[in-house]
Amino acid sequence: LMKQACDLIIMVLTGDEAMHLLYNHGEGEVYKTMVGWLTHKNLHLLTTSILAIGNFARQDDYCMRMMEDKIYDRLLDIFEKFHNLGLAIKEDPNGQHPVNMASVTKIQHAVLSALRNLTVPMQNKKVAAKNGRAAPIFLDALPTVEDHHVAYKLLAAIRMLVDGQE
């Protein structure tokens, strides 16, 4: 039931009109809930929040507000955490891990999509590049990413940083 509810949230957010209503200038209850779920332990809720943020990040002014609110940094934290979990799973595939590799891949893909969307506005590209935190994380991850979908998203995120350099 929870997965179906999460899927419904994402389906609703793919529509532009609903997205505007639910974002409500960064004050919408659904938007605030999605931001809160970025720290949730439940993988369905975490994934839903990341996908929702990625949908909200289709609008430039929303992206700029989210960058000011440090959503980019929070997503970087999630990417780094799940990249490290993926490395731990590869190192010890038979060990006890809090998530499986499929979940790691799904979350990495969603996070990189949202990070890329957030850096579409030129102002945000410059902020992300100037901050200097994302490039080392992405470049460290690049040689170890095996899933081609994640690798493609990672390259797109790196390209956005390069575009933001002066």
N, C-alpha and C. Protein backbone atom coordinates (compact mmCIF):
# COMPACT_ATOMS: atom_id res chain seq x y z
N LEU A 1 0.82 -1.20 0.00
CA LEU A 1 0.00 0.00 0.00
C LEU A 1 0.87 1.26 0.00
N MET A 2 1.96 1.23 0.79
CA MET A 2 2.83 2.40 0.84
C MET A 2 3.46 2.66 -0.53
N LYS A 3 3.92 1.60 -1.19
CA LYS A 3 4.53 1.76 -2.51
C LYS A 3 3.54 2.36 -3.49
N GLN A 4 2.28 1.92 -3.43
CA GLN A 4 1.26 2.46 -4.33
C GLN A 4 1.00 3.94 -4.04
N ALA A 5 0.98 4.31 -2.77
CA ALA A 5 0.79 5.72 -2.40
C ALA A 5 1.96 6.56 -2.90
N CYS A 6 3.17 6.03 -2.75
CA CYS A 6 4.36 6.74 -3.23
C CYS A 6 4.32 6.90 -4.75
N ASP A 7 3.94 5.85 -5.45
CA ASP A 7 3.83 5.92 -6.91
C ASP A 7 2.80 6.96 -7.34
N LEU A 8 1.69 7.05 -6.59
CA LEU A 8 0.65 8.02 -6.89
C LEU A 8 1.16 9.45 -6.72
N ILE A 9 1.94 9.70 -5.68
CA ILE A 9 2.51 11.03 -5.47
C ILE A 9 3.36 11.43 -6.68
N ILE A 10 4.19 10.52 -7.13
CA ILE A 10 5.07 10.82 -8.27
C ILE A 10 4.25 11.04 -9.54
N MET A 11 3.22 10.23 -9.76
CA MET A 11 2.38 10.41 -10.95
C MET A 11 1.71 11.78 -10.93
N VAL A 12 1.20 12.20 -9.77
CA VAL A 12 0.55 13.50 -9.66
C VAL A 12 1.55 14.62 -9.95
N LEU A 13 2.76 14.48 -9.44
CA LEU A 13 3.77 15.53 -9.61
C LEU A 13 4.31 15.66 -11.02
N THR A 14 4.06 14.67 -11.88
CA THR A 14 4.54 14.80 -13.25
C THR A 14 3.70 15.80 -14.04
N GLY A 15 2.52 16.12 -13.56
CA GLY A 15 1.69 17.15 -14.20
C GLY A 15 2.11 18.53 -13.73
N ASP A 16 2.29 19.45 -14.67
CA ASP A 16 2.77 20.79 -14.32
C ASP A 16 1.82 21.54 -13.38
N GLU A 17 0.51 21.46 -13.65
CA GLU A 17 -0.45 22.19 -12.83
C GLU A 17 -0.42 21.71 -11.38
N ALA A 18 -0.43 20.40 -11.19
CA ALA A 18 -0.37 19.85 -9.83
C ALA A 18 0.94 20.21 -9.15
N MET A 19 2.03 20.17 -9.92
CA MET A 19 3.34 20.49 -9.35
C MET A 19 3.34 21.91 -8.78
N HIS A 20 2.78 22.86 -9.52
CA HIS A 20 2.75 24.25 -9.05
C HIS A 20 1.92 24.38 -7.77
N LEU A 21 0.78 23.71 -7.74
CA LEU A 21 -0.08 23.76 -6.55
C LEU A 21 0.60 23.14 -5.33
N LEU A 22 1.27 22.02 -5.54
CA LEU A 22 1.88 21.30 -4.42
C LEU A 22 3.19 21.94 -3.96
N TYR A 23 3.85 22.67 -4.84
CA TYR A 23 5.07 23.40 -4.45
C TYR A 23 4.70 24.68 -3.69
N ASN A 24 3.75 25.43 -4.23
CA ASN A 24 3.20 26.63 -3.60
C ASN A 24 4.29 27.56 -3.06
N HIS A 25 5.17 27.99 -3.96
CA HIS A 25 6.24 28.93 -3.61
C HIS A 25 7.17 28.39 -2.52
N GLY A 26 7.35 27.09 -2.48
CA GLY A 26 8.22 26.48 -1.48
C GLY A 26 7.56 26.29 -0.13
N GLU A 27 6.26 26.60 -0.05
CA GLU A 27 5.54 26.50 1.22
C GLU A 27 4.47 25.41 1.20
N GLY A 28 4.34 24.71 0.09
CA GLY A 28 3.32 23.66 -0.02
C GLY A 28 3.61 22.51 0.93
N GLU A 29 2.56 21.97 1.51
CA GLU A 29 2.71 20.87 2.47
C GLU A 29 3.34 19.64 1.83
N VAL A 30 2.95 19.34 0.59
CA VAL A 30 3.52 18.18 -0.09
C VAL A 30 5.01 18.41 -0.33
N TYR A 31 5.37 19.60 -0.79
CA TYR A 31 6.78 19.91 -1.01
C TYR A 31 7.57 19.79 0.30
N LYS A 32 7.06 20.38 1.35
CA LYS A 32 7.75 20.33 2.65
C LYS A 32 7.88 18.89 3.15
N THR A 33 6.85 18.09 2.93
CA THR A 33 6.90 16.68 3.32
C THR A 33 7.98 15.95 2.54
N MET A 34 8.05 16.22 1.24
CA MET A 34 9.08 15.56 0.40
C MET A 34 10.48 15.94 0.87
N VAL A 35 10.69 17.20 1.21
CA VAL A 35 12.00 17.63 1.72
C VAL A 35 12.29 16.92 3.04
N GLY A 36 11.29 16.78 3.89
CA GLY A 36 11.47 16.07 5.15
C GLY A 36 11.82 14.60 4.96
N TRP A 37 11.24 13.99 3.94
CA TRP A 37 11.49 12.57 3.68
C TRP A 37 12.90 12.31 3.14
N LEU A 38 13.65 13.36 2.79
CA LEU A 38 15.02 13.16 2.31
C LEU A 38 15.91 12.50 3.36
N THR A 39 15.49 12.52 4.61
CA THR A 39 16.26 11.87 5.68
C THR A 39 15.59 10.60 6.18
N HIS A 40 14.53 10.17 5.52
CA HIS A 40 13.77 9.01 5.99
C HIS A 40 14.54 7.71 5.79
N LYS A 41 14.39 6.80 6.72
CA LYS A 41 15.05 5.48 6.65
C LYS A 41 14.32 4.53 5.69
N ASN A 42 13.01 4.74 5.52
CA ASN A 42 12.22 3.88 4.63
C ASN A 42 12.59 4.18 3.18
N LEU A 43 13.03 3.16 2.46
CA LEU A 43 13.52 3.38 1.09
C LEU A 43 12.43 3.84 0.13
N HIS A 44 11.18 3.40 0.33
CA HIS A 44 10.08 3.87 -0.54
C HIS A 44 9.89 5.37 -0.36
N LEU A 45 9.89 5.83 0.90
CA LEU A 45 9.68 7.25 1.15
C LEU A 45 10.88 8.08 0.70
N LEU A 46 12.07 7.57 0.92
CA LEU A 46 13.28 8.27 0.47
C LEU A 46 13.28 8.40 -1.05
N THR A 47 13.03 7.30 -1.74
CA THR A 47 13.02 7.33 -3.20
C THR A 47 11.93 8.26 -3.72
N THR A 48 10.75 8.21 -3.10
CA THR A 48 9.66 9.10 -3.50
C THR A 48 10.07 10.55 -3.34
N SER A 49 10.70 10.88 -2.22
CA SER A 49 11.10 12.27 -1.99
C SER A 49 12.11 12.73 -3.03
N ILE A 50 13.06 11.88 -3.37
CA ILE A 50 14.08 12.25 -4.36
C ILE A 50 13.44 12.45 -5.74
N LEU A 51 12.57 11.53 -6.13
CA LEU A 51 11.88 11.66 -7.42
C LEU A 51 11.00 12.91 -7.44
N ALA A 52 10.34 13.20 -6.32
CA ALA A 52 9.49 14.39 -6.23
C ALA A 52 10.32 15.66 -6.36
N ILE A 53 11.45 15.71 -5.65
CA ILE A 53 12.33 16.88 -5.74
C ILE A 53 12.79 17.05 -7.19
N GLY A 54 13.12 15.95 -7.85
CA GLY A 54 13.50 16.01 -9.26
C GLY A 54 12.40 16.57 -10.13
N ASN A 55 11.14 16.23 -9.82
CA ASN A 55 10.01 16.79 -10.57
C ASN A 55 9.83 18.27 -10.27
N PHE A 56 9.93 18.66 -9.00
CA PHE A 56 9.83 20.08 -8.67
C PHE A 56 10.95 20.87 -9.34
N ALA A 57 12.09 20.24 -9.55
CA ALA A 57 13.26 20.91 -10.13
C ALA A 57 13.17 21.04 -11.65
N ARG A 58 11.98 20.91 -12.21
CA ARG A 58 11.81 21.15 -13.64
C ARG A 58 11.53 22.63 -13.92
N GLN A 59 11.37 23.41 -12.87
CA GLN A 59 11.04 24.83 -12.98
C GLN A 59 12.23 25.65 -12.46
N ASP A 60 12.77 26.55 -13.28
CA ASP A 60 14.00 27.26 -12.91
C ASP A 60 13.90 28.01 -11.58
N ASP A 61 12.79 28.73 -11.36
CA ASP A 61 12.69 29.49 -10.11
C ASP A 61 12.61 28.56 -8.90
N TYR A 62 12.00 27.41 -9.06
CA TYR A 62 11.98 26.43 -7.96
C TYR A 62 13.40 25.92 -7.70
N CYS A 63 14.14 25.69 -8.79
CA CYS A 63 15.53 25.22 -8.66
C CYS A 63 16.38 26.21 -7.88
N MET A 64 16.21 27.48 -8.18
CA MET A 64 17.02 28.49 -7.49
C MET A 64 16.67 28.54 -6.01
N ARG A 65 15.39 28.42 -5.70
CA ARG A 65 14.98 28.41 -4.28
C ARG A 65 15.52 27.16 -3.59
N MET A 66 15.44 26.01 -4.24
CA MET A 66 15.94 24.77 -3.64
C MET A 66 17.45 24.83 -3.44
N MET A 67 18.16 25.47 -4.34
CA MET A 67 19.60 25.61 -4.18
C MET A 67 19.89 26.48 -2.96
N GLU A 68 19.14 27.57 -2.81
CA GLU A 68 19.30 28.44 -1.63
C GLU A 68 19.01 27.67 -0.34
N ASP A 69 18.05 26.77 -0.41
CA ASP A 69 17.65 25.97 0.77
C ASP A 69 18.54 24.75 0.99
N LYS A 70 19.63 24.65 0.23
CA LYS A 70 20.64 23.58 0.39
C LYS A 70 20.13 22.19 0.05
N ILE A 71 19.09 22.10 -0.79
CA ILE A 71 18.59 20.79 -1.22
C ILE A 71 19.67 20.07 -2.04
N TYR A 72 20.42 20.82 -2.83
CA TYR A 72 21.51 20.23 -3.62
C TYR A 72 22.49 19.50 -2.70
N ASP A 73 22.87 20.16 -1.61
CA ASP A 73 23.81 19.55 -0.67
C ASP A 73 23.24 18.30 -0.01
N ARG A 74 21.96 18.34 0.30
CA ARG A 74 21.32 17.17 0.91
C ARG A 74 21.30 15.99 -0.06
N LEU A 75 21.05 16.29 -1.32
CA LEU A 75 21.06 15.24 -2.34
C LEU A 75 22.47 14.69 -2.54
N LEU A 76 23.46 15.56 -2.49
CA LEU A 76 24.86 15.10 -2.57
C LEU A 76 25.17 14.14 -1.43
N ASP A 77 24.69 14.47 -0.23
CA ASP A 77 24.89 13.58 0.93
C ASP A 77 24.30 12.20 0.66
N ILE A 78 23.09 12.18 0.09
CA ILE A 78 22.42 10.91 -0.20
C ILE A 78 23.21 10.14 -1.26
N PHE A 79 23.63 10.84 -2.31
CA PHE A 79 24.41 10.16 -3.35
C PHE A 79 25.67 9.54 -2.76
N GLU A 80 26.38 10.32 -1.97
CA GLU A 80 27.63 9.83 -1.39
C GLU A 80 27.39 8.62 -0.49
N LYS A 81 26.34 8.70 0.32
CA LYS A 81 26.00 7.58 1.22
C LYS A 81 25.70 6.31 0.42
N PHE A 82 24.87 6.43 -0.61
CA PHE A 82 24.47 5.24 -1.36
C PHE A 82 25.58 4.76 -2.30
N HIS A 83 26.42 5.65 -2.74
CA HIS A 83 27.59 5.20 -3.51
C HIS A 83 28.49 4.35 -2.61
N ASN A 84 28.72 4.82 -1.39
CA ASN A 84 29.55 4.06 -0.44
C ASN A 84 28.90 2.73 -0.06
N LEU A 85 27.57 2.72 0.07
CA LEU A 85 26.88 1.45 0.33
C LEU A 85 27.07 0.49 -0.84
N GLY A 86 27.00 1.01 -2.06
CA GLY A 86 27.23 0.18 -3.24
C GLY A 86 28.62 -0.41 -3.26
N LEU A 87 29.61 0.39 -2.88
CA LEU A 87 30.98 -0.11 -2.82
C LEU A 87 31.12 -1.21 -1.77
N ALA A 88 30.45 -1.02 -0.62
CA ALA A 88 30.50 -2.03 0.44
C ALA A 88 29.85 -3.34 -0.01
N ILE A 89 28.76 -3.24 -0.75
CA ILE A 89 28.08 -4.44 -1.26
C ILE A 89 28.98 -5.16 -2.27
N LYS A 90 29.63 -4.40 -3.15
CA LYS A 90 30.54 -5.02 -4.13
C LYS A 90 31.72 -5.70 -3.45
N GLU A 91 32.21 -5.07 -2.39
CA GLU A 91 33.37 -5.61 -1.67
C GLU A 91 33.02 -6.89 -0.92
N ASP A 92 31.79 -6.94 -0.38
CA ASP A 92 31.36 -8.10 0.40
C ASP A 92 29.93 -8.45 0.02
N PRO A 93 29.72 -9.07 -1.16
CA PRO A 93 28.37 -9.33 -1.65
C PRO A 93 27.54 -10.25 -0.76
N ASN A 94 28.17 -11.08 0.03
CA ASN A 94 27.43 -12.01 0.89
C ASN A 94 27.24 -11.47 2.31
N GLY A 95 27.74 -10.28 2.58
CA GLY A 95 27.64 -9.69 3.91
C GLY A 95 26.25 -9.12 4.18
N GLN A 96 26.06 -8.70 5.42
CA GLN A 96 24.80 -8.07 5.82
C GLN A 96 24.87 -6.58 5.48
N HIS A 97 23.93 -6.12 4.68
CA HIS A 97 23.90 -4.72 4.27
C HIS A 97 22.48 -4.18 4.49
N PRO A 98 22.36 -2.89 4.81
CA PRO A 98 21.03 -2.32 5.07
C PRO A 98 20.14 -2.24 3.83
N VAL A 99 20.74 -2.32 2.64
CA VAL A 99 19.99 -2.26 1.38
C VAL A 99 20.62 -3.22 0.38
N ASN A 100 19.87 -3.51 -0.68
CA ASN A 100 20.44 -4.35 -1.74
C ASN A 100 20.95 -3.46 -2.88
N MET A 101 21.67 -4.05 -3.80
CA MET A 101 22.29 -3.28 -4.88
C MET A 101 21.24 -2.65 -5.80
N ALA A 102 20.12 -3.31 -5.99
CA ALA A 102 19.06 -2.73 -6.83
C ALA A 102 18.55 -1.42 -6.23
N SER A 103 18.38 -1.39 -4.92
CA SER A 103 17.94 -0.16 -4.25
C SER A 103 19.00 0.93 -4.34
N VAL A 104 20.25 0.55 -4.18
CA VAL A 104 21.35 1.51 -4.29
C VAL A 104 21.34 2.14 -5.68
N THR A 105 21.21 1.32 -6.70
CA THR A 105 21.21 1.80 -8.08
C THR A 105 20.03 2.72 -8.34
N LYS A 106 18.85 2.33 -7.86
CA LYS A 106 17.64 3.14 -8.06
C LYS A 106 17.79 4.51 -7.41
N ILE A 107 18.30 4.54 -6.19
CA ILE A 107 18.45 5.80 -5.48
C ILE A 107 19.54 6.66 -6.13
N GLN A 108 20.65 6.05 -6.52
CA GLN A 108 21.70 6.82 -7.19
C GLN A 108 21.17 7.46 -8.47
N HIS A 109 20.44 6.70 -9.24
CA HIS A 109 19.88 7.21 -10.50
C HIS A 109 18.94 8.38 -10.24
N ALA A 110 18.05 8.23 -9.25
CA ALA A 110 17.10 9.29 -8.93
C ALA A 110 17.81 10.54 -8.42
N VAL A 111 18.79 10.35 -7.54
CA VAL A 111 19.53 11.50 -6.98
C VAL A 111 20.27 12.25 -8.08
N LEU A 112 20.95 11.53 -8.94
CA LEU A 112 21.70 12.19 -10.01
C LEU A 112 20.77 12.93 -10.97
N SER A 113 19.59 12.39 -11.22
CA SER A 113 18.60 13.08 -12.06
C SER A 113 18.17 14.39 -11.40
N ALA A 114 17.89 14.34 -10.11
CA ALA A 114 17.47 15.54 -9.38
C ALA A 114 18.60 16.56 -9.32
N LEU A 115 19.83 16.10 -9.06
CA LEU A 115 20.97 17.02 -9.03
C LEU A 115 21.17 17.70 -10.37
N ARG A 116 21.03 16.94 -11.44
CA ARG A 116 21.16 17.51 -12.77
C ARG A 116 20.07 18.56 -13.01
N ASN A 117 18.82 18.23 -12.67
CA ASN A 117 17.73 19.18 -12.86
C ASN A 117 17.97 20.47 -12.07
N LEU A 118 18.48 20.33 -10.86
CA LEU A 118 18.73 21.51 -10.03
C LEU A 118 19.80 22.43 -10.62
N THR A 119 20.67 21.89 -11.44
CA THR A 119 21.75 22.71 -12.01
C THR A 119 21.49 23.14 -13.45
N VAL A 120 20.26 23.03 -13.90
CA VAL A 120 19.93 23.53 -15.24
C VAL A 120 20.06 25.06 -15.30
N PRO A 121 19.52 25.82 -14.33
CA PRO A 121 19.70 27.27 -14.39
C PRO A 121 21.19 27.64 -14.26
N MET A 122 21.67 28.55 -15.10
CA MET A 122 23.09 28.91 -15.11
C MET A 122 23.56 29.36 -13.73
N GLN A 123 22.73 30.11 -13.03
CA GLN A 123 23.10 30.58 -11.69
C GLN A 123 23.42 29.39 -10.78
N ASN A 124 22.61 28.34 -10.87
CA ASN A 124 22.83 27.17 -10.02
C ASN A 124 24.06 26.37 -10.44
N LYS A 125 24.34 26.33 -11.75
CA LYS A 125 25.56 25.68 -12.22
C LYS A 125 26.77 26.33 -11.57
N LYS A 126 26.76 27.67 -11.57
CA LYS A 126 27.89 28.42 -11.00
C LYS A 126 28.01 28.18 -9.50
N VAL A 127 26.88 28.16 -8.80
CA VAL A 127 26.90 27.93 -7.35
C VAL A 127 27.46 26.54 -7.05
N ALA A 128 26.98 25.53 -7.76
CA ALA A 128 27.43 24.15 -7.53
C ALA A 128 28.92 24.01 -7.84
N ALA A 129 29.36 24.61 -8.94
CA ALA A 129 30.78 24.51 -9.32
C ALA A 129 31.66 25.26 -8.32
N LYS A 130 31.22 26.45 -7.91
CA LYS A 130 32.01 27.27 -6.99
C LYS A 130 32.10 26.63 -5.61
N ASN A 131 31.03 25.97 -5.19
CA ASN A 131 31.02 25.30 -3.88
C ASN A 131 32.14 24.28 -3.79
N GLY A 132 32.41 23.59 -4.90
CA GLY A 132 33.54 22.67 -4.97
C GLY A 132 33.34 21.31 -4.33
N ARG A 133 32.19 21.05 -3.80
CA ARG A 133 31.96 19.79 -3.10
C ARG A 133 31.56 18.66 -4.05
N ALA A 134 30.76 18.97 -5.06
CA ALA A 134 30.21 17.93 -5.93
C ALA A 134 31.27 17.28 -6.82
N ALA A 135 32.16 18.08 -7.38
CA ALA A 135 33.13 17.53 -8.35
C ALA A 135 33.96 16.39 -7.77
N PRO A 136 34.55 16.53 -6.58
CA PRO A 136 35.32 15.40 -6.05
C PRO A 136 34.47 14.15 -5.79
N ILE A 137 33.24 14.35 -5.33
CA ILE A 137 32.34 13.22 -5.08
C ILE A 137 32.04 12.50 -6.39
N PHE A 138 31.67 13.27 -7.42
CA PHE A 138 31.33 12.67 -8.71
C PHE A 138 32.54 12.01 -9.36
N LEU A 139 33.67 12.68 -9.33
CA LEU A 139 34.87 12.13 -9.98
C LEU A 139 35.39 10.90 -9.26
N ASP A 140 35.24 10.85 -7.93
CA ASP A 140 35.62 9.64 -7.19
C ASP A 140 34.69 8.48 -7.54
N ALA A 141 33.42 8.79 -7.76
CA ALA A 141 32.44 7.74 -8.05
C ALA A 141 32.57 7.20 -9.47
N LEU A 142 32.97 8.04 -10.39
CA LEU A 142 32.95 7.68 -11.82
C LEU A 142 33.63 6.35 -12.15
N PRO A 143 34.84 6.08 -11.68
CA PRO A 143 35.49 4.81 -12.07
C PRO A 143 34.83 3.56 -11.49
N THR A 144 34.01 3.73 -10.46
CA THR A 144 33.45 2.54 -9.80
C THR A 144 31.99 2.28 -10.15
N VAL A 145 31.36 3.18 -10.88
CA VAL A 145 29.95 2.99 -11.25
C VAL A 145 29.87 1.97 -12.38
N GLU A 146 29.08 0.92 -12.16
CA GLU A 146 28.96 -0.14 -13.16
C GLU A 146 27.66 -0.08 -13.95
N ASP A 147 26.60 0.43 -13.33
CA ASP A 147 25.31 0.51 -14.02
C ASP A 147 25.38 1.64 -15.06
N HIS A 148 25.09 1.32 -16.31
CA HIS A 148 25.25 2.33 -17.37
C HIS A 148 24.26 3.48 -17.24
N HIS A 149 23.06 3.24 -16.67
CA HIS A 149 22.10 4.33 -16.47
C HIS A 149 22.63 5.32 -15.44
N VAL A 150 23.21 4.80 -14.36
CA VAL A 150 23.79 5.66 -13.33
C VAL A 150 25.01 6.39 -13.89
N ALA A 151 25.83 5.70 -14.66
CA ALA A 151 27.02 6.33 -15.26
C ALA A 151 26.61 7.49 -16.17
N TYR A 152 25.56 7.29 -16.95
CA TYR A 152 25.08 8.35 -17.85
C TYR A 152 24.63 9.56 -17.04
N LYS A 153 23.86 9.33 -15.98
CA LYS A 153 23.39 10.44 -15.14
C LYS A 153 24.55 11.12 -14.44
N LEU A 154 25.54 10.34 -14.02
CA LEU A 154 26.72 10.90 -13.37
C LEU A 154 27.48 11.80 -14.34
N LEU A 155 27.65 11.36 -15.57
CA LEU A 155 28.31 12.19 -16.58
C LEU A 155 27.53 13.48 -16.85
N ALA A 156 26.20 13.38 -16.86
CA ALA A 156 25.37 14.58 -17.06
C ALA A 156 25.55 15.56 -15.90
N ALA A 157 25.63 15.04 -14.69
CA ALA A 157 25.84 15.90 -13.51
C ALA A 157 27.22 16.56 -13.56
N ILE A 158 28.22 15.82 -13.98
CA ILE A 158 29.57 16.37 -14.12
C ILE A 158 29.59 17.46 -15.19
N ARG A 159 28.90 17.20 -16.30
CA ARG A 159 28.85 18.19 -17.38
C ARG A 159 28.24 19.51 -16.89
N MET A 160 27.22 19.41 -16.05
CA MET A 160 26.60 20.63 -15.51
C MET A 160 27.60 21.42 -14.67
N LEU A 161 28.44 20.72 -13.92
CA LEU A 161 29.46 21.42 -13.13
C LEU A 161 30.48 22.10 -14.03
N VAL A 162 30.89 21.41 -15.09
CA VAL A 162 31.86 21.98 -16.02
C VAL A 162 31.27 23.21 -16.70
N ASP A 163 29.99 23.14 -17.07
CA ASP A 163 29.31 24.28 -17.70
C ASP A 163 29.25 25.48 -16.77
N GLY A 164 29.28 25.24 -15.45
CA GLY A 164 29.17 26.32 -14.48
C GLY A 164 30.48 26.98 -14.12
N GLN A 165 31.58 26.43 -14.59
CA GLN A 165 32.89 27.02 -14.28
C GLN A 165 33.12 28.25 -15.14
N GLU A 166 33.80 29.21 -14.56
CA GLU A 166 34.10 30.44 -15.31
C GLU A 166 35.49 30.39 -15.86
